[in-house]
Amino acid sequence: INKPVWIRHVLVPQRTDEDIFLKELSQFISELKNVE
């Protein structure tokens, strides 16, 4: 629906900062057309 969005990601050691998942998240975000 092209609603403007800011994506936020909390970076937590041992929980959310593994490169493999950061890259997967980056790929997901790149497929969205509304992220400002």
Full PDB file with SEQRES, HELIX, SHEET, SSBOND, CRYST1, ORIGX, SCALE, CONECT and MASTER records, all heavy atoms in Angstrom:
SEQRES   1 A   36  ILE ASN LYS PRO VAL TRP ILE ARG HIS VAL LEU VAL PRO          
SEQRES   2 A   36  GLN ARG THR ASP GLU ASP ILE PHE LEU LYS GLU LEU SER          
SEQRES   3 A   36  GLN PHE ILE SER GLU LEU LYS ASN VAL GLU                      
HELIX    1 AA1 ASP A   19  SER A   30  1                                  12    
CRYST1    1.000    1.000    1.000  90.00  90.00  90.00 P 1           1          
ORIGX1      1.000000  0.000000  0.000000        0.00000                         
ORIGX2      0.000000  1.000000  0.000000        0.00000                         
ORIGX3      0.000000  0.000000  1.000000        0.00000                         
SCALE1      1.000000  0.000000  0.000000        0.00000                         
SCALE2      0.000000  1.000000  0.000000        0.00000                         
SCALE3      0.000000  0.000000  1.000000        0.00000                         
ATOM      1  N   ILE A   1       0.831  -1.213   0.000  1.00  0.00           N  
ATOM      2  CA  ILE A   1       0.000   0.000   0.000  1.00  0.00           C  
ATOM      3  C   ILE A   1       0.868   1.267   0.000  1.00  0.00           C  
ATOM      4  O   ILE A   1       0.344   2.377   0.063  1.00  0.00           O  
ATOM      5  CB  ILE A   1      -0.980   0.021   1.191  1.00  0.00           C  
ATOM      6  CG1 ILE A   1      -0.225   0.099   2.530  1.00  0.00           C  
ATOM      7  CG2 ILE A   1      -1.903  -1.196   1.145  1.00  0.00           C  
ATOM      8  CD1 ILE A   1      -1.136   0.275   3.745  1.00  0.00           C  
ATOM      9  N   ASN A   2       2.179   1.050  -0.064  1.00  0.00           N  
ATOM     10  CA  ASN A   2       3.147   2.156  -0.144  1.00  0.00           C  
ATOM     11  C   ASN A   2       3.057   3.116   1.037  1.00  0.00           C  
ATOM     12  O   ASN A   2       3.164   4.332   0.881  1.00  0.00           O  
ATOM     13  CB  ASN A   2       2.978   2.927  -1.461  1.00  0.00           C  
ATOM     14  CG  ASN A   2       4.250   3.640  -1.880  1.00  0.00           C  
ATOM     15  OD1 ASN A   2       5.344   3.180  -1.582  1.00  0.00           O  
ATOM     16  ND2 ASN A   2       4.107   4.770  -2.548  1.00  0.00           N  
ATOM     17  N   LYS A   3       2.880   2.547   2.219  1.00  0.00           N  
ATOM     18  CA  LYS A   3       2.879   3.351   3.442  1.00  0.00           C  
ATOM     19  C   LYS A   3       4.323   3.578   3.888  1.00  0.00           C  
ATOM     20  O   LYS A   3       5.077   2.627   4.059  1.00  0.00           O  
ATOM     21  CB  LYS A   3       2.106   2.631   4.555  1.00  0.00           C  
ATOM     22  CG  LYS A   3       2.076   3.344   5.902  1.00  0.00           C  
ATOM     23  CD  LYS A   3       1.432   4.717   5.819  1.00  0.00           C  
ATOM     24  CE  LYS A   3      -0.013   4.685   5.368  1.00  0.00           C  
ATOM     25  NZ  LYS A   3      -0.628   6.033   5.358  1.00  0.00           N  
ATOM     26  N   PRO A   4       4.748   4.840   4.075  1.00  0.00           N  
ATOM     27  CA  PRO A   4       6.130   5.098   4.486  1.00  0.00           C  
ATOM     28  C   PRO A   4       6.493   4.375   5.787  1.00  0.00           C  
ATOM     29  O   PRO A   4       5.714   4.381   6.748  1.00  0.00           O  
ATOM     30  CB  PRO A   4       6.148   6.622   4.681  1.00  0.00           C  
ATOM     31  CG  PRO A   4       5.078   7.127   3.760  1.00  0.00           C  
ATOM     32  CD  PRO A   4       4.004   6.077   3.821  1.00  0.00           C  
ATOM     33  N   VAL A   5       7.668   3.754   5.783  1.00  0.00           N  
ATOM     34  CA  VAL A   5       8.105   2.939   6.922  1.00  0.00           C  
ATOM     35  C   VAL A   5       9.567   3.225   7.241  1.00  0.00           C  
ATOM     36  O   VAL A   5      10.386   3.415   6.341  1.00  0.00           O  
ATOM     37  CB  VAL A   5       7.923   1.436   6.615  1.00  0.00           C  
ATOM     38  CG1 VAL A   5       8.697   0.564   7.594  1.00  0.00           C  
ATOM     39  CG2 VAL A   5       6.450   1.047   6.665  1.00  0.00           C  
ATOM     40  N   TRP A   6       9.861   3.272   8.538  1.00  0.00           N  
ATOM     41  CA  TRP A   6      11.239   3.183   9.017  1.00  0.00           C  
ATOM     42  C   TRP A   6      11.379   1.816   9.676  1.00  0.00           C  
ATOM     43  O   TRP A   6      10.575   1.454  10.551  1.00  0.00           O  
ATOM     44  CB  TRP A   6      11.556   4.263  10.044  1.00  0.00           C  
ATOM     45  CG  TRP A   6      11.572   5.667   9.534  1.00  0.00           C  
ATOM     46  CD1 TRP A   6      11.210   6.107   8.283  1.00  0.00           C  
ATOM     47  CD2 TRP A   6      11.959   6.827  10.269  1.00  0.00           C  
ATOM     48  NE1 TRP A   6      11.344   7.463   8.194  1.00  0.00           N  
ATOM     49  CE2 TRP A   6      11.810   7.954   9.402  1.00  0.00           C  
ATOM     50  CE3 TRP A   6      12.418   7.051  11.569  1.00  0.00           C  
ATOM     51  CZ2 TRP A   6      12.096   9.250   9.804  1.00  0.00           C  
ATOM     52  CZ3 TRP A   6      12.706   8.339  11.969  1.00  0.00           C  
ATOM     53  CH2 TRP A   6      12.553   9.434  11.093  1.00  0.00           C  
ATOM     54  N   ILE A   7      12.357   1.046   9.247  1.00  0.00           N  
ATOM     55  CA  ILE A   7      12.630  -0.264   9.855  1.00  0.00           C  
ATOM     56  C   ILE A   7      13.658  -0.086  10.963  1.00  0.00           C  
ATOM     57  O   ILE A   7      14.689   0.569  10.776  1.00  0.00           O  
ATOM     58  CB  ILE A   7      13.165  -1.270   8.816  1.00  0.00           C  
ATOM     59  CG1 ILE A   7      12.132  -1.516   7.707  1.00  0.00           C  
ATOM     60  CG2 ILE A   7      13.556  -2.588   9.502  1.00  0.00           C  
ATOM     61  CD1 ILE A   7      10.924  -2.311   8.135  1.00  0.00           C  
ATOM     62  N   ARG A   8      13.379  -0.694  12.119  1.00  0.00           N  
ATOM     63  CA  ARG A   8      14.310  -0.639  13.246  1.00  0.00           C  
ATOM     64  C   ARG A   8      14.683  -2.054  13.674  1.00  0.00           C  
ATOM     65  O   ARG A   8      13.844  -2.958  13.661  1.00  0.00           O  
ATOM     66  CB  ARG A   8      13.666   0.108  14.417  1.00  0.00           C  
ATOM     67  CG  ARG A   8      13.399   1.575  14.115  1.00  0.00           C  
ATOM     68  CD  ARG A   8      12.546   2.207  15.190  1.00  0.00           C  
ATOM     69  NE  ARG A   8      13.005   3.547  15.503  1.00  0.00           N  
ATOM     70  CZ  ARG A   8      12.539   4.283  16.511  1.00  0.00           C  
ATOM     71  NH1 ARG A   8      11.617   3.796  17.317  1.00  0.00           N  
ATOM     72  NH2 ARG A   8      13.001   5.494  16.715  1.00  0.00           N  
ATOM     73  N   HIS A   9      15.947  -2.205  14.072  1.00  0.00           N  
ATOM     74  CA  HIS A   9      16.438  -3.509  14.512  1.00  0.00           C  
ATOM     75  C   HIS A   9      17.309  -3.319  15.742  1.00  0.00           C  
ATOM     76  O   HIS A   9      18.312  -2.595  15.693  1.00  0.00           O  
ATOM     77  CB  HIS A   9      17.239  -4.174  13.397  1.00  0.00           C  
ATOM     78  CG  HIS A   9      17.791  -5.522  13.758  1.00  0.00           C  
ATOM     79  ND1 HIS A   9      16.984  -6.625  13.978  1.00  0.00           N  
ATOM     80  CD2 HIS A   9      19.074  -5.953  13.945  1.00  0.00           C  
ATOM     81  CE1 HIS A   9      17.736  -7.671  14.280  1.00  0.00           C  
ATOM     82  NE2 HIS A   9      19.002  -7.280  14.273  1.00  0.00           N  
ATOM     83  N   VAL A  10      16.911  -3.941  16.846  1.00  0.00           N  
ATOM     84  CA  VAL A  10      17.700  -3.858  18.076  1.00  0.00           C  
ATOM     85  C   VAL A  10      18.855  -4.851  17.985  1.00  0.00           C  
ATOM     86  O   VAL A  10      18.646  -6.044  17.769  1.00  0.00           O  
ATOM     87  CB  VAL A  10      16.834  -4.154  19.322  1.00  0.00           C  
ATOM     88  CG1 VAL A  10      17.680  -4.065  20.585  1.00  0.00           C  
ATOM     89  CG2 VAL A  10      15.666  -3.179  19.401  1.00  0.00           C  
ATOM     90  N   LEU A  11      20.069  -4.333  18.141  1.00  0.00           N  
ATOM     91  CA  LEU A  11      21.267  -5.159  18.014  1.00  0.00           C  
ATOM     92  C   LEU A  11      21.690  -5.668  19.389  1.00  0.00           C  
ATOM     93  O   LEU A  11      22.135  -4.900  20.243  1.00  0.00           O  
ATOM     94  CB  LEU A  11      22.398  -4.347  17.380  1.00  0.00           C  
ATOM     95  CG  LEU A  11      23.628  -5.141  16.939  1.00  0.00           C  
ATOM     96  CD1 LEU A  11      23.289  -6.016  15.737  1.00  0.00           C  
ATOM     97  CD2 LEU A  11      24.787  -4.206  16.617  1.00  0.00           C  
ATOM     98  N   VAL A  12      21.537  -6.981  19.591  1.00  0.00           N  
ATOM     99  CA  VAL A  12      21.851  -7.602  20.877  1.00  0.00           C  
ATOM    100  C   VAL A  12      22.918  -8.683  20.678  1.00  0.00           C  
ATOM    101  O   VAL A  12      22.689  -9.644  19.935  1.00  0.00           O  
ATOM    102  CB  VAL A  12      20.601  -8.261  21.508  1.00  0.00           C  
ATOM    103  CG1 VAL A  12      20.913  -8.747  22.925  1.00  0.00           C  
ATOM    104  CG2 VAL A  12      19.418  -7.317  21.498  1.00  0.00           C  
ATOM    105  N   PRO A  13      24.071  -8.551  21.315  1.00  0.00           N  
ATOM    106  CA  PRO A  13      25.092  -9.600  21.225  1.00  0.00           C  
ATOM    107  C   PRO A  13      24.519 -10.966  21.633  1.00  0.00           C  
ATOM    108  O   PRO A  13      23.695 -11.056  22.547  1.00  0.00           O  
ATOM    109  CB  PRO A  13      26.165  -9.142  22.222  1.00  0.00           C  
ATOM    110  CG  PRO A  13      26.017  -7.651  22.256  1.00  0.00           C  
ATOM    111  CD  PRO A  13      24.531  -7.407  22.127  1.00  0.00           C  
ATOM    112  N   GLN A  14      24.929 -12.005  20.890  1.00  0.00           N  
ATOM    113  CA  GLN A  14      24.510 -13.390  21.155  1.00  0.00           C  
ATOM    114  C   GLN A  14      23.025 -13.639  20.849  1.00  0.00           C  
ATOM    115  O   GLN A  14      22.513 -14.733  21.100  1.00  0.00           O  
ATOM    116  CB  GLN A  14      24.790 -13.794  22.606  1.00  0.00           C  
ATOM    117  CG  GLN A  14      26.248 -13.642  23.019  1.00  0.00           C  
ATOM    118  CD  GLN A  14      26.468 -13.985  24.479  1.00  0.00           C  
ATOM    119  OE1 GLN A  14      25.877 -14.940  25.006  1.00  0.00           O  
ATOM    120  NE2 GLN A  14      27.316 -13.211  25.159  1.00  0.00           N  
ATOM    121  N   ARG A  15      22.331 -12.637  20.332  1.00  0.00           N  
ATOM    122  CA  ARG A  15      20.908 -12.806  20.045  1.00  0.00           C  
ATOM    123  C   ARG A  15      20.541 -12.356  18.626  1.00  0.00           C  
ATOM    124  O   ARG A  15      19.932 -13.108  17.882  1.00  0.00           O  
ATOM    125  CB  ARG A  15      20.042 -12.026  21.053  1.00  0.00           C  
ATOM    126  CG  ARG A  15      20.132 -12.500  22.492  1.00  0.00           C  
ATOM    127  CD  ARG A  15      19.567 -13.882  22.682  1.00  0.00           C  
ATOM    128  NE  ARG A  15      19.457 -14.244  24.086  1.00  0.00           N  
ATOM    129  CZ  ARG A  15      20.443 -14.755  24.819  1.00  0.00           C  
ATOM    130  NH1 ARG A  15      21.640 -14.947  24.269  1.00  0.00           N  
ATOM    131  NH2 ARG A  15      20.251 -15.068  26.085  1.00  0.00           N  
ATOM    132  N   THR A  16      20.896 -11.125  18.259  1.00  0.00           N  
ATOM    133  CA  THR A  16      20.408 -10.577  16.983  1.00  0.00           C  
ATOM    134  C   THR A  16      21.511  -9.997  16.107  1.00  0.00           C  
ATOM    135  O   THR A  16      21.209  -9.303  15.140  1.00  0.00           O  
ATOM    136  CB  THR A  16      19.366  -9.464  17.238  1.00  0.00           C  
ATOM    137  OG1 THR A  16      20.031  -8.312  17.802  1.00  0.00           O  
ATOM    138  CG2 THR A  16      18.271  -9.911  18.174  1.00  0.00           C  
ATOM    139  N   ASP A  17      22.774 -10.280  16.434  1.00  0.00           N  
ATOM    140  CA  ASP A  17      23.852  -9.611  15.700  1.00  0.00           C  
ATOM    141  C   ASP A  17      24.680 -10.548  14.822  1.00  0.00           C  
ATOM    142  O   ASP A  17      25.770 -10.187  14.369  1.00  0.00           O  
ATOM    143  CB  ASP A  17      24.769  -8.862  16.671  1.00  0.00           C  
ATOM    144  CG  ASP A  17      25.637  -9.798  17.513  1.00  0.00           C  
ATOM    145  OD1 ASP A  17      25.244 -10.974  17.678  1.00  0.00           O  
ATOM    146  OD2 ASP A  17      26.694  -9.349  17.986  1.00  0.00           O  
ATOM    147  N   GLU A  18      24.170 -11.757  14.536  1.00  0.00           N  
ATOM    148  CA  GLU A  18      24.898 -12.677  13.666  1.00  0.00           C  
ATOM    149  C   GLU A  18      24.823 -12.183  12.220  1.00  0.00           C  
ATOM    150  O   GLU A  18      23.747 -11.873  11.716  1.00  0.00           O  
ATOM    151  CB  GLU A  18      24.311 -14.081  13.769  1.00  0.00           C  
ATOM    152  CG  GLU A  18      24.489 -14.732  15.134  1.00  0.00           C  
ATOM    153  CD  GLU A  18      23.799 -16.084  15.208  1.00  0.00           C  
ATOM    154  OE1 GLU A  18      24.366 -17.056  14.685  1.00  0.00           O  
ATOM    155  OE2 GLU A  18      22.691 -16.157  15.762  1.00  0.00           O  
ATOM    156  N   ASP A  19      25.959 -12.169  11.555  1.00  0.00           N  
ATOM    157  CA  ASP A  19      26.023 -11.638  10.194  1.00  0.00           C  
ATOM    158  C   ASP A  19      25.056 -12.337   9.241  1.00  0.00           C  
ATOM    159  O   ASP A  19      24.434 -11.697   8.385  1.00  0.00           O  
ATOM    160  CB  ASP A  19      27.447 -11.757   9.644  1.00  0.00           C  
ATOM    161  CG  ASP A  19      28.384 -10.709  10.229  1.00  0.00           C  
ATOM    162  OD1 ASP A  19      27.965 -10.015  11.183  1.00  0.00           O  
ATOM    163  OD2 ASP A  19      29.519 -10.577   9.737  1.00  0.00           O  
ATOM    164  N   ILE A  20      24.923 -13.654   9.374  1.00  0.00           N  
ATOM    165  CA  ILE A  20      24.072 -14.403   8.456  1.00  0.00           C  
ATOM    166  C   ILE A  20      22.621 -13.900   8.508  1.00  0.00           C  
ATOM    167  O   ILE A  20      21.953 -13.777   7.483  1.00  0.00           O  
ATOM    168  CB  ILE A  20      24.137 -15.925   8.749  1.00  0.00           C  
ATOM    169  CG1 ILE A  20      23.327 -16.697   7.706  1.00  0.00           C  
ATOM    170  CG2 ILE A  20      23.670 -16.243  10.165  1.00  0.00           C  
ATOM    171  CD1 ILE A  20      23.473 -18.212   7.831  1.00  0.00           C  
ATOM    172  N   PHE A  21      22.171 -13.557   9.703  1.00  0.00           N  
ATOM    173  CA  PHE A  21      20.790 -13.090   9.842  1.00  0.00           C  
ATOM    174  C   PHE A  21      20.663 -11.599   9.526  1.00  0.00           C  
ATOM    175  O   PHE A  21      19.627 -11.156   9.033  1.00  0.00           O  
ATOM    176  CB  PHE A  21      20.265 -13.404  11.238  1.00  0.00           C  
ATOM    177  CG  PHE A  21      20.176 -14.881  11.504  1.00  0.00           C  
ATOM    178  CD1 PHE A  21      20.900 -15.458  12.532  1.00  0.00           C  
ATOM    179  CD2 PHE A  21      19.388 -15.698  10.708  1.00  0.00           C  
ATOM    180  CE1 PHE A  21      20.834 -16.825  12.772  1.00  0.00           C  
ATOM    181  CE2 PHE A  21      19.307 -17.068  10.936  1.00  0.00           C  
ATOM    182  CZ  PHE A  21      20.035 -17.631  11.968  1.00  0.00           C  
ATOM    183  N   LEU A  22      21.706 -10.836   9.798  1.00  0.00           N  
ATOM    184  CA  LEU A  22      21.695  -9.428   9.403  1.00  0.00           C  
ATOM    185  C   LEU A  22      21.612  -9.317   7.881  1.00  0.00           C  
ATOM    186  O   LEU A  22      20.882  -8.471   7.345  1.00  0.00           O  
ATOM    187  CB  LEU A  22      22.946  -8.719   9.918  1.00  0.00           C  
ATOM    188  CG  LEU A  22      23.030  -8.506  11.441  1.00  0.00           C  
ATOM    189  CD1 LEU A  22      24.400  -7.959  11.816  1.00  0.00           C  
ATOM    190  CD2 LEU A  22      21.933  -7.567  11.931  1.00  0.00           C  
ATOM    191  N   LYS A  23      22.335 -10.194   7.174  1.00  0.00           N  
ATOM    192  CA  LYS A  23      22.298 -10.191   5.705  1.00  0.00           C  
ATOM    193  C   LYS A  23      20.923 -10.628   5.198  1.00  0.00           C  
ATOM    194  O   LYS A  23      20.412 -10.090   4.210  1.00  0.00           O  
ATOM    195  CB  LYS A  23      23.397 -11.092   5.154  1.00  0.00           C  
ATOM    196  CG  LYS A  23      24.791 -10.538   5.380  1.00  0.00           C  
ATOM    197  CD  LYS A  23      25.872 -11.522   4.955  1.00  0.00           C  
ATOM    198  CE  LYS A  23      27.271 -10.960   5.223  1.00  0.00           C  
ATOM    199  NZ  LYS A  23      28.340 -11.943   4.901  1.00  0.00           N  
ATOM    200  N   GLU A  24      20.328 -11.600   5.885  1.00  0.00           N  
ATOM    201  CA  GLU A  24      18.987 -12.052   5.505  1.00  0.00           C  
ATOM    202  C   GLU A  24      17.965 -10.936   5.718  1.00  0.00           C  
ATOM    203  O   GLU A  24      17.066 -10.724   4.887  1.00  0.00           O  
ATOM    204  CB  GLU A  24      18.601 -13.288   6.321  1.00  0.00           C  
ATOM    205  CG  GLU A  24      17.327 -13.964   5.844  1.00  0.00           C  
ATOM    206  CD  GLU A  24      17.017 -15.234   6.614  1.00  0.00           C  
ATOM    207  OE1 GLU A  24      17.965 -15.822   7.197  1.00  0.00           O  
ATOM    208  OE2 GLU A  24      15.835 -15.642   6.622  1.00  0.00           O  
ATOM    209  N   LEU A  25      18.105 -10.217   6.824  1.00  0.00           N  
ATOM    210  CA  LEU A  25      17.211  -9.087   7.089  1.00  0.00           C  
ATOM    211  C   LEU A  25      17.410  -7.994   6.050  1.00  0.00           C  
ATOM    212  O   LEU A  25      16.437  -7.408   5.551  1.00  0.00           O  
ATOM    213  CB  LEU A  25      17.467  -8.534   8.495  1.00  0.00           C  
ATOM    214  CG  LEU A  25      16.686  -7.282   8.888  1.00  0.00           C  
ATOM    215  CD1 LEU A  25      15.180  -7.511   8.783  1.00  0.00           C  
ATOM    216  CD2 LEU A  25      17.066  -6.838  10.303  1.00  0.00           C  
ATOM    217  N   SER A  26      18.659  -7.721   5.695  1.00  0.00           N  
ATOM    218  CA  SER A  26      18.950  -6.713   4.677  1.00  0.00           C  
ATOM    219  C   SER A  26      18.307  -7.081   3.351  1.00  0.00           C  
ATOM    220  O   SER A  26      17.741  -6.220   2.656  1.00  0.00           O  
ATOM    221  CB  SER A  26      20.462  -6.562   4.505  1.00  0.00           C  
ATOM    222  OG  SER A  26      20.762  -5.570   3.558  1.00  0.00           O  
ATOM    223  N   GLN A  27      18.368  -8.356   2.990  1.00  0.00           N  
ATOM    224  CA  GLN A  27      17.746  -8.814   1.746  1.00  0.00           C  
ATOM    225  C   GLN A  27      16.235  -8.623   1.791  1.00  0.00           C  
ATOM    226  O   GLN A  27      15.622  -8.171   0.815  1.00  0.00           O  
ATOM    227  CB  GLN A  27      18.087 -10.286   1.501  1.00  0.00           C  
ATOM    228  CG  GLN A  27      17.442 -10.877   0.257  1.00  0.00           C  
ATOM    229  CD  GLN A  27      17.841 -10.182  -1.025  1.00  0.00           C  
ATOM    230  OE1 GLN A  27      18.995  -9.758  -1.179  1.00  0.00           O  
ATOM    231  NE2 GLN A  27      16.904 -10.043  -1.958  1.00  0.00           N  
ATOM    232  N   PHE A  28      15.642  -8.955   2.923  1.00  0.00           N  
ATOM    233  CA  PHE A  28      14.189  -8.783   3.076  1.00  0.00           C  
ATOM    234  C   PHE A  28      13.804  -7.313   2.910  1.00  0.00           C  
ATOM    235  O   PHE A  28      12.859  -6.977   2.194  1.00  0.00           O  
ATOM    236  CB  PHE A  28      13.740  -9.294   4.446  1.00  0.00           C  
ATOM    237  CG  PHE A  28      12.286  -9.063   4.734  1.00  0.00           C  
ATOM    238  CD1 PHE A  28      11.316  -9.893   4.199  1.00  0.00           C  
ATOM    239  CD2 PHE A  28      11.881  -7.995   5.537  1.00  0.00           C  
ATOM    240  CE1 PHE A  28       9.961  -9.685   4.451  1.00  0.00           C  
ATOM    241  CE2 PHE A  28      10.537  -7.777   5.795  1.00  0.00           C  
ATOM    242  CZ  PHE A  28       9.579  -8.619   5.250  1.00  0.00           C  
ATOM    243  N   ILE A  29      14.556  -6.429   3.566  1.00  0.00           N  
ATOM    244  CA  ILE A  29      14.255  -4.998   3.491  1.00  0.00           C  
ATOM    245  C   ILE A  29      14.401  -4.485   2.064  1.00  0.00           C  
ATOM    246  O   ILE A  29      13.617  -3.649   1.607  1.00  0.00           O  
ATOM    247  CB  ILE A  29      15.177  -4.213   4.453  1.00  0.00           C  
ATOM    248  CG1 ILE A  29      14.844  -4.567   5.908  1.00  0.00           C  
ATOM    249  CG2 ILE A  29      15.038  -2.706   4.235  1.00  0.00           C  
ATOM    250  CD1 ILE A  29      15.821  -3.999   6.915  1.00  0.00           C  
ATOM    251  N   SER A  30      15.397  -5.012   1.338  1.00  0.00           N  
ATOM    252  CA  SER A  30      15.646  -4.541  -0.032  1.00  0.00           C  
ATOM    253  C   SER A  30      14.484  -4.857  -0.966  1.00  0.00           C  
ATOM    254  O   SER A  30      14.335  -4.222  -2.012  1.00  0.00           O  
ATOM    255  CB  SER A  30      16.931  -5.173  -0.576  1.00  0.00           C  
ATOM    256  OG  SER A  30      16.754  -6.549  -0.882  1.00  0.00           O  
ATOM    257  N   GLU A  31      13.662  -5.823  -0.587  1.00  0.00           N  
ATOM    258  CA  GLU A  31      12.522  -6.209  -1.423  1.00  0.00           C  
ATOM    259  C   GLU A  31      11.280  -5.356  -1.146  1.00  0.00           C  
ATOM    260  O   GLU A  31      10.275  -5.472  -1.841  1.00  0.00           O  
ATOM    261  CB  GLU A  31      12.210  -7.688  -1.208  1.00  0.00           C  
ATOM    262  CG  GLU A  31      13.343  -8.614  -1.669  1.00  0.00           C  
ATOM    263  CD  GLU A  31      13.177 -10.042  -1.200  1.00  0.00           C  
ATOM    264  OE1 GLU A  31      12.144 -10.330  -0.542  1.00  0.00           O  
ATOM    265  OE2 GLU A  31      14.073 -10.864  -1.478  1.00  0.00           O  
ATOM    266  N   LEU A  32      11.353  -4.505  -0.131  1.00  0.00           N  
ATOM    267  CA  LEU A  32      10.249  -3.606   0.193  1.00  0.00           C  
ATOM    268  C   LEU A  32      10.462  -2.282  -0.526  1.00  0.00           C  
ATOM    269  O   LEU A  32      11.582  -1.784  -0.609  1.00  0.00           O  
ATOM    270  CB  LEU A  32      10.169  -3.384   1.706  1.00  0.00           C  
ATOM    271  CG  LEU A  32      10.082  -4.636   2.582  1.00  0.00           C  
ATOM    272  CD1 LEU A  32      10.165  -4.252   4.057  1.00  0.00           C  
ATOM    273  CD2 LEU A  32       8.810  -5.424   2.294  1.00  0.00           C  
ATOM    274  N   LYS A  33       9.394  -1.693  -1.030  1.00  0.00           N  
ATOM    275  CA  LYS A  33       9.532  -0.467  -1.840  1.00  0.00           C  
ATOM    276  C   LYS A  33       9.199   0.807  -1.069  1.00  0.00           C  
ATOM    277  O   LYS A  33       9.260   1.904  -1.627  1.00  0.00           O  
ATOM    278  CB  LYS A  33       8.626  -0.558  -3.067  1.00  0.00           C  
ATOM    279  CG  LYS A  33       7.132  -0.631  -2.735  1.00  0.00           C  
ATOM    280  CD  LYS A  33       6.295  -0.765  -4.000  1.00  0.00           C  
ATOM    281  CE  LYS A  33       4.800  -0.795  -3.667  1.00  0.00           C  
ATOM    282  NZ  LYS A  33       3.961  -0.948  -4.873  1.00  0.00           N  
ATOM    283  N   ASN A  34       8.858   0.674   0.208  1.00  0.00           N  
ATOM    284  CA  ASN A  34       8.347   1.824   0.965  1.00  0.00           C  
ATOM    285  C   ASN A  34       9.239   2.248   2.121  1.00  0.00           C  
ATOM    286  O   ASN A  34       8.868   3.105   2.921  1.00  0.00           O  
ATOM    287  CB  ASN A  34       6.965   1.479   1.532  1.00  0.00           C  
ATOM    288  CG  ASN A  34       7.018   0.274   2.459  1.00  0.00           C  
ATOM    289  OD1 ASN A  34       7.834  -0.633   2.277  1.00  0.00           O  
ATOM    290  ND2 ASN A  34       6.149   0.249   3.442  1.00  0.00           N  
ATOM    291  N   VAL A  35      10.423   1.630   2.244  1.00  0.00           N  
ATOM    292  CA  VAL A  35      11.293   1.890   3.395  1.00  0.00           C  
ATOM    293  C   VAL A  35      12.067   3.187   3.172  1.00  0.00           C  
ATOM    294  O   VAL A  35      12.869   3.301   2.247  1.00  0.00           O  
ATOM    295  CB  VAL A  35      12.261   0.723   3.639  1.00  0.00           C  
ATOM    296  CG1 VAL A  35      13.192   1.033   4.803  1.00  0.00           C  
ATOM    297  CG2 VAL A  35      11.479  -0.558   3.922  1.00  0.00           C  
ATOM    298  N   GLU A  36      11.835   4.158   4.036  1.00  0.00           N  
ATOM    299  CA  GLU A  36      12.510   5.440   3.938  1.00  0.00           C  
ATOM    300  C   GLU A  36      13.819   5.473   4.728  1.00  0.00           C  
ATOM    301  O   GLU A  36      14.732   6.236   4.392  1.00  0.00           O  
ATOM    302  CB  GLU A  36      11.602   6.554   4.472  1.00  0.00           C  
ATOM    303  CG  GLU A  36      10.357   6.800   3.642  1.00  0.00           C  
ATOM    304  CD  GLU A  36       9.563   7.997   4.119  1.00  0.00           C  
ATOM    305  OE1 GLU A  36       9.799   8.459   5.258  1.00  0.00           O  
ATOM    306  OE2 GLU A  36       8.706   8.472   3.363  1.00  0.00           O  
TER     307      GLU A  36                                                      
MASTER        0    0    0    1    0    0    0    6  306    1    0    3          
END                                                                             
